[in-house]
Amino acid sequence: MHMKIYNTFSRQKEEFVPNIPGRVAMYVCGPNLYGPCHWGHGFSYIVFDTVKRYLKFRGYQVHHVQNFTDIEDRIIVAAQKENTTIQSLAEKYITRFLEEMDALNVQRADAYPRATSVISTIIKITQGLIAREYAYEIEGDVYFRVRQDPDYGKLSHRSLSDMEAGARIEVDERKEDPMDFALWKAAKAGEAELG
């Protein structure tokens, strides 16, 4: 039962060898729930569905997990515009997402964890990064120090000098380095705080 896949790190095809013989754990990043999905989402999930089906066809037992990002800035803004709660907005778009994936015949994941269900774990990990000086806090926001990690960009084969700060979002002038990115955002006035 040999199968080769492309390894983005080594940049070559390698024999696929799961950590546990006969079993594959597959984690797929899910949607941010601030608005409806689009064709790009559909295409992505069809591709992962095809991979999962093929692995099952090859005899692997596949455990598929896909998260839902149900708290972030765009969700908060969209909920305020719609005069609803972030929870209600997330539920609306989760329902719509699942219906649309069903219509595309995309098999459902085995589990759909939500970001809000693991906040305490996120806080512990973030505190650990701060303690090890991989992250720093400014006015309640926490940023990852990319230059502290010698392996940053290793998987994508990109150096920090190849990357352009501010290409996707405006650079926060408070950061130590324009390339640093947010791990945690403090609640702003009028936003609900998570316990």
C-alpha atoms as a PDB file:
ATOM      1  CA  MET A   1       0.000   0.000   0.000  1.00  0.00           C
ATOM      2  CA  HIS A   2       2.648   2.528  -1.085  1.00  0.00           C
ATOM      3  CA  MET A   3       1.629   6.083  -1.843  1.00  0.00           C
ATOM      4  CA  LYS A   4       3.762   9.136  -2.539  1.00  0.00           C
ATOM      5  CA  ILE A   5       2.875  12.713  -1.699  1.00  0.00           C
ATOM      6  CA  TYR A   6       4.639  16.007  -2.277  1.00  0.00           C
ATOM      7  CA  ASN A   7       6.389  17.279   0.843  1.00  0.00           C
ATOM      8  CA  THR A   8       6.471  21.082   0.795  1.00  0.00           C
ATOM      9  CA  PHE A   9       9.404  21.099   3.233  1.00  0.00           C
ATOM     10  CA  SER A  10      11.712  18.803   1.252  1.00  0.00           C
ATOM     11  CA  ARG A  11      10.209  19.902  -2.077  1.00  0.00           C
ATOM     12  CA  GLN A  12      10.015  16.367  -3.367  1.00  0.00           C
ATOM     13  CA  LYS A  13       7.665  13.398  -3.529  1.00  0.00           C
ATOM     14  CA  GLU A  14       8.065  11.078  -0.574  1.00  0.00           C
ATOM     15  CA  GLU A  15       6.443   7.866   0.544  1.00  0.00           C
ATOM     16  CA  PHE A  16       3.434   8.587   2.727  1.00  0.00           C
ATOM     17  CA  VAL A  17       3.984   6.979   6.134  1.00  0.00           C
ATOM     18  CA  PRO A  18       1.413   7.835   8.815  1.00  0.00           C
ATOM     19  CA  ASN A  19       2.547   8.120  12.452  1.00  0.00           C
ATOM     20  CA  ILE A  20       0.218   5.244  13.352  1.00  0.00           C
ATOM     21  CA  PRO A  21       0.095   2.480  10.723  1.00  0.00           C
ATOM     22  CA  GLY A  22      -3.268   2.390   8.945  1.00  0.00           C
ATOM     23  CA  ARG A  23      -4.518   5.624  10.517  1.00  0.00           C
ATOM     24  CA  VAL A  24      -4.482   9.205   9.285  1.00  0.00           C
ATOM     25  CA  ALA A  25      -5.277  12.284  11.352  1.00  0.00           C
ATOM     26  CA  MET A  26      -6.348  15.065   8.998  1.00  0.00           C
ATOM     27  CA  TYR A  27      -6.751  18.639  10.246  1.00  0.00           C
ATOM     28  CA  VAL A  28      -8.316  21.150   7.861  1.00  0.00           C
ATOM     29  CA  CYS A  29      -8.519  24.849   8.688  1.00  0.00           C
ATOM     30  CA  GLY A  30     -12.163  25.881   8.638  1.00  0.00           C
ATOM     31  CA  PRO A  31     -13.863  29.169   7.761  1.00  0.00           C
ATOM     32  CA  ASN A  32     -13.969  32.422   9.695  1.00  0.00           C
ATOM     33  CA  LEU A  33     -17.652  32.940  10.404  1.00  0.00           C
ATOM     34  CA  TYR A  34     -18.123  36.635   9.587  1.00  0.00           C
ATOM     35  CA  GLY A  35     -19.925  36.094   6.284  1.00  0.00           C
ATOM     36  CA  PRO A  36     -21.041  33.500   3.774  1.00  0.00           C
ATOM     37  CA  CYS A  37     -18.587  31.154   2.107  1.00  0.00           C
ATOM     38  CA  HIS A  38     -17.548  31.663  -1.506  1.00  0.00           C
ATOM     39  CA  TRP A  39     -16.371  29.444  -4.353  1.00  0.00           C
ATOM     40  CA  GLY A  40     -12.800  29.521  -3.071  1.00  0.00           C
ATOM     41  CA  HIS A  41     -13.955  27.883   0.159  1.00  0.00           C
ATOM     42  CA  GLY A  42     -15.939  25.321  -1.802  1.00  0.00           C
ATOM     43  CA  PHE A  43     -12.964  24.456  -3.988  1.00  0.00           C
ATOM     44  CA  SER A  44     -10.668  24.062  -0.976  1.00  0.00           C
ATOM     45  CA  TYR A  45     -13.050  21.745   0.883  1.00  0.00           C
ATOM     46  CA  ILE A  46     -13.713  19.687  -2.251  1.00  0.00           C
ATOM     47  CA  VAL A  47      -9.949  19.137  -2.575  1.00  0.00           C
ATOM     48  CA  PHE A  48      -9.604  17.998   1.046  1.00  0.00           C
ATOM     49  CA  ASP A  49     -12.713  15.838   0.689  1.00  0.00           C
ATOM     50  CA  THR A  50     -11.112  14.160  -2.334  1.00  0.00           C
ATOM     51  CA  VAL A  51      -7.923  13.519  -0.334  1.00  0.00           C
ATOM     52  CA  LYS A  52      -9.946  12.047   2.542  1.00  0.00           C
ATOM     53  CA  ARG A  53     -11.975   9.815   0.232  1.00  0.00           C
ATOM     54  CA  TYR A  54      -8.826   8.596  -1.501  1.00  0.00           C
ATOM     55  CA  LEU A  55      -7.128   7.795   1.814  1.00  0.00           C
ATOM     56  CA  LYS A  56     -10.211   5.813   2.859  1.00  0.00           C
ATOM     57  CA  PHE A  57     -10.223   4.062  -0.531  1.00  0.00           C
ATOM     58  CA  ARG A  58      -6.593   3.085   0.082  1.00  0.00           C
ATOM     59  CA  GLY A  59      -7.682   1.468   3.357  1.00  0.00           C
ATOM     60  CA  TYR A  60      -6.692   4.098   5.893  1.00  0.00           C
ATOM     61  CA  GLN A  61      -8.857   4.931   8.880  1.00  0.00           C
ATOM     62  CA  VAL A  62      -9.191   8.723   8.640  1.00  0.00           C
ATOM     63  CA  HIS A  63     -10.004  11.020  11.548  1.00  0.00           C
ATOM     64  CA  HIS A  64     -10.925  14.392  10.035  1.00  0.00           C
ATOM     65  CA  VAL A  65     -11.092  17.539  12.188  1.00  0.00           C
ATOM     66  CA  GLN A  66     -12.015  20.988  10.894  1.00  0.00           C
ATOM     67  CA  ASN A  67     -12.221  24.053  13.112  1.00  0.00           C
ATOM     68  CA  PHE A  68     -14.645  26.942  13.064  1.00  0.00           C
ATOM     69  CA  THR A  69     -13.160  30.363  13.853  1.00  0.00           C
ATOM     70  CA  ASP A  70     -16.106  31.833  15.728  1.00  0.00           C
ATOM     71  CA  ILE A  71     -14.383  34.831  17.312  1.00  0.00           C
ATOM     72  CA  GLU A  72     -12.198  37.425  15.605  1.00  0.00           C
ATOM     73  CA  ASP A  73     -12.345  41.097  14.612  1.00  0.00           C
ATOM     74  CA  ARG A  74     -14.370  40.674  11.403  1.00  0.00           C
ATOM     75  CA  ILE A  75     -17.004  38.580  13.226  1.00  0.00           C
ATOM     76  CA  ILE A  76     -17.341  41.240  15.920  1.00  0.00           C
ATOM     77  CA  VAL A  77     -17.729  44.002  13.300  1.00  0.00           C
ATOM     78  CA  ALA A  78     -20.253  41.971  11.267  1.00  0.00           C
ATOM     79  CA  ALA A  79     -22.283  41.132  14.402  1.00  0.00           C
ATOM     80  CA  GLN A  80     -22.406  44.819  15.351  1.00  0.00           C
ATOM     81  CA  LYS A  81     -23.544  45.771  11.825  1.00  0.00           C
ATOM     82  CA  GLU A  82     -26.279  43.121  11.925  1.00  0.00           C
ATOM     83  CA  ASN A  83     -27.232  44.096  15.487  1.00  0.00           C
ATOM     84  CA  THR A  84     -26.763  40.522  16.727  1.00  0.00           C
ATOM     85  CA  THR A  85     -24.393  38.586  18.947  1.00  0.00           C
ATOM     86  CA  ILE A  86     -21.192  36.974  17.733  1.00  0.00           C
ATOM     87  CA  GLN A  87     -22.614  33.620  18.821  1.00  0.00           C
ATOM     88  CA  SER A  88     -25.782  34.095  16.737  1.00  0.00           C
ATOM     89  CA  LEU A  89     -23.794  35.238  13.722  1.00  0.00           C
ATOM     90  CA  ALA A  90     -21.436  32.252  14.031  1.00  0.00           C
ATOM     91  CA  GLU A  91     -24.361  29.810  14.315  1.00  0.00           C
ATOM     92  CA  LYS A  92     -25.991  31.325  11.230  1.00  0.00           C
ATOM     93  CA  TYR A  93     -22.852  30.892   9.129  1.00  0.00           C
ATOM     94  CA  ILE A  94     -22.043  27.434  10.525  1.00  0.00           C
ATOM     95  CA  THR A  95     -25.503  26.251   9.483  1.00  0.00           C
ATOM     96  CA  ARG A  96     -25.124  27.833   6.068  1.00  0.00           C
ATOM     97  CA  PHE A  97     -21.609  26.419   5.623  1.00  0.00           C
ATOM     98  CA  LEU A  98     -22.702  22.868   6.443  1.00  0.00           C
ATOM     99  CA  GLU A  99     -25.724  23.121   4.112  1.00  0.00           C
ATOM    100  CA  GLU A 100     -23.542  24.402   1.274  1.00  0.00           C
ATOM    101  CA  MET A 101     -20.904  21.701   1.796  1.00  0.00           C
ATOM    102  CA  ASP A 102     -23.691  19.082   1.865  1.00  0.00           C
ATOM    103  CA  ALA A 103     -24.943  20.471  -1.457  1.00  0.00           C
ATOM    104  CA  LEU A 104     -21.419  20.023  -2.867  1.00  0.00           C
ATOM    105  CA  ASN A 105     -21.404  16.429  -1.522  1.00  0.00           C
ATOM    106  CA  VAL A 106     -18.444  17.202   0.764  1.00  0.00           C
ATOM    107  CA  GLN A 107     -18.350  14.628   3.561  1.00  0.00           C
ATOM    108  CA  ARG A 108     -18.603  16.105   7.022  1.00  0.00           C
ATOM    109  CA  ALA A 109     -15.645  16.131   9.384  1.00  0.00           C
ATOM    110  CA  ASP A 110     -15.594  13.900  12.442  1.00  0.00           C
ATOM    111  CA  ALA A 111     -15.267  16.933  14.707  1.00  0.00           C
ATOM    112  CA  TYR A 112     -15.725  20.701  14.395  1.00  0.00           C
ATOM    113  CA  PRO A 113     -14.011  22.399  17.343  1.00  0.00           C
ATOM    114  CA  ARG A 114     -14.659  26.115  17.762  1.00  0.00           C
ATOM    115  CA  ALA A 115     -12.080  28.710  18.711  1.00  0.00           C
ATOM    116  CA  THR A 116     -14.297  29.854  21.606  1.00  0.00           C
ATOM    117  CA  SER A 117     -14.270  26.331  23.071  1.00  0.00           C
ATOM    118  CA  VAL A 118     -10.486  26.383  23.537  1.00  0.00           C
ATOM    119  CA  ILE A 119      -9.887  29.943  24.787  1.00  0.00           C
ATOM    120  CA  SER A 120      -8.299  28.731  28.049  1.00  0.00           C
ATOM    121  CA  THR A 121      -5.828  26.590  26.064  1.00  0.00           C
ATOM    122  CA  ILE A 122      -5.043  29.515  23.734  1.00  0.00           C
ATOM    123  CA  ILE A 123      -4.356  31.712  26.774  1.00  0.00           C
ATOM    124  CA  LYS A 124      -2.007  29.098  28.311  1.00  0.00           C
ATOM    125  CA  ILE A 125      -0.074  28.677  25.054  1.00  0.00           C
ATOM    126  CA  THR A 126       0.176  32.455  24.614  1.00  0.00           C
ATOM    127  CA  GLN A 127       1.387  32.903  28.208  1.00  0.00           C
ATOM    128  CA  GLY A 128       4.015  30.211  27.587  1.00  0.00           C
ATOM    129  CA  LEU A 129       5.246  32.037  24.482  1.00  0.00           C
ATOM    130  CA  ILE A 130       5.486  35.297  26.455  1.00  0.00           C
ATOM    131  CA  ALA A 131       7.403  33.534  29.247  1.00  0.00           C
ATOM    132  CA  ARG A 132       9.892  32.162  26.684  1.00  0.00           C
ATOM    133  CA  GLU A 133      10.127  35.607  25.010  1.00  0.00           C
ATOM    134  CA  TYR A 134       8.652  34.402  21.726  1.00  0.00           C
ATOM    135  CA  ALA A 135       5.796  36.862  22.251  1.00  0.00           C
ATOM    136  CA  TYR A 136       5.180  40.205  23.941  1.00  0.00           C
ATOM    137  CA  GLU A 137       2.179  42.158  25.188  1.00  0.00           C
ATOM    138  CA  ILE A 138       1.230  45.727  24.294  1.00  0.00           C
ATOM    139  CA  GLU A 139      -1.927  47.223  25.840  1.00  0.00           C
ATOM    140  CA  GLY A 140      -3.554  43.783  26.119  1.00  0.00           C
ATOM    141  CA  ASP A 141      -2.632  42.693  22.582  1.00  0.00           C
ATOM    142  CA  VAL A 142      -0.018  39.940  22.236  1.00  0.00           C
ATOM    143  CA  TYR A 143       2.342  39.657  19.252  1.00  0.00           C
ATOM    144  CA  PHE A 144       4.618  36.833  18.108  1.00  0.00           C
ATOM    145  CA  ARG A 145       8.285  37.812  17.641  1.00  0.00           C
ATOM    146  CA  VAL A 146       9.076  36.274  14.267  1.00  0.00           C
ATOM    147  CA  ARG A 147      12.801  37.024  14.534  1.00  0.00           C
ATOM    148  CA  GLN A 148      12.974  35.096  17.822  1.00  0.00           C
ATOM    149  CA  ASP A 149      12.173  31.887  15.930  1.00  0.00           C
ATOM    150  CA  PRO A 150      15.151  30.790  13.791  1.00  0.00           C
ATOM    151  CA  ASP A 151      12.873  28.383  11.902  1.00  0.00           C
ATOM    152  CA  TYR A 152      10.263  31.000  10.955  1.00  0.00           C
ATOM    153  CA  GLY A 153       9.548  30.661   7.215  1.00  0.00           C
ATOM    154  CA  LYS A 154      11.383  27.331   6.981  1.00  0.00           C
ATOM    155  CA  LEU A 155       8.376  25.348   5.755  1.00  0.00           C
ATOM    156  CA  SER A 156       7.540  27.873   3.018  1.00  0.00           C
ATOM    157  CA  HIS A 157      11.241  28.353   2.151  1.00  0.00           C
ATOM    158  CA  ARG A 158      10.875  32.106   2.587  1.00  0.00           C
ATOM    159  CA  SER A 159      13.163  34.351   4.579  1.00  0.00           C
ATOM    160  CA  LEU A 160      11.899  37.376   6.456  1.00  0.00           C
ATOM    161  CA  SER A 161      13.739  39.581   3.962  1.00  0.00           C
ATOM    162  CA  ASP A 162      11.571  38.049   1.179  1.00  0.00           C
ATOM    163  CA  MET A 163       8.346  38.904   3.000  1.00  0.00           C
ATOM    164  CA  GLU A 164       6.675  42.291   2.875  1.00  0.00           C
ATOM    165  CA  ALA A 165       5.137  43.702   6.039  1.00  0.00           C
ATOM    166  CA  GLY A 166       1.807  45.404   5.446  1.00  0.00           C
ATOM    167  CA  ALA A 167       1.071  43.568   2.196  1.00  0.00           C
ATOM    168  CA  ARG A 168      -2.173  42.119   3.596  1.00  0.00           C
ATOM    169  CA  ILE A 169      -3.019  44.326   6.573  1.00  0.00           C
ATOM    170  CA  GLU A 170      -1.875  47.707   7.820  1.00  0.00           C
ATOM    171  CA  VAL A 171       1.175  47.531  10.065  1.00  0.00           C
ATOM    172  CA  ASP A 172       0.548  48.313  13.744  1.00  0.00           C
ATOM    173  CA  GLU A 173       3.184  50.913  14.653  1.00  0.00           C
ATOM    174  CA  ARG A 174       3.262  49.665  18.262  1.00  0.00           C
ATOM    175  CA  LYS A 175       4.899  46.381  17.253  1.00  0.00           C
ATOM    176  CA  GLU A 176       8.612  45.765  17.858  1.00  0.00           C
ATOM    177  CA  ASP A 177       8.992  44.560  14.263  1.00  0.00           C
ATOM    178  CA  PRO A 178       6.570  45.119  11.352  1.00  0.00           C
ATOM    179  CA  MET A 179       6.670  41.352  10.620  1.00  0.00           C
ATOM    180  CA  ASP A 180       5.426  40.379  14.102  1.00  0.00           C
ATOM    181  CA  PHE A 181       1.823  39.186  14.085  1.00  0.00           C
ATOM    182  CA  ALA A 182      -1.050  39.184  16.568  1.00  0.00           C
ATOM    183  CA  LEU A 183      -1.666  36.091  18.667  1.00  0.00           C
ATOM    184  CA  TRP A 184      -4.272  37.693  20.916  1.00  0.00           C
ATOM    185  CA  LYS A 185      -6.304  40.893  20.717  1.00  0.00           C
ATOM    186  CA  ALA A 186      -7.643  42.659  23.787  1.00  0.00           C
ATOM    187  CA  ALA A 187     -11.368  43.337  23.892  1.00  0.00           C
ATOM    188  CA  LYS A 188     -12.225  46.850  22.735  1.00  0.00           C
ATOM    189  CA  ALA A 189     -14.864  49.047  24.348  1.00  0.00           C
ATOM    190  CA  GLY A 190     -18.322  47.637  23.635  1.00  0.00           C
ATOM    191  CA  GLU A 191     -17.053  44.142  22.757  1.00  0.00           C
ATOM    192  CA  ALA A 192     -18.074  41.128  24.772  1.00  0.00           C
ATOM    193  CA  GLU A 193     -15.264  39.599  26.801  1.00  0.00           C
ATOM    194  CA  LEU A 194     -14.753  35.854  26.886  1.00  0.00           C
ATOM    195  CA  GLY A 195     -14.218  34.245  30.282  1.00  0.00           C
END
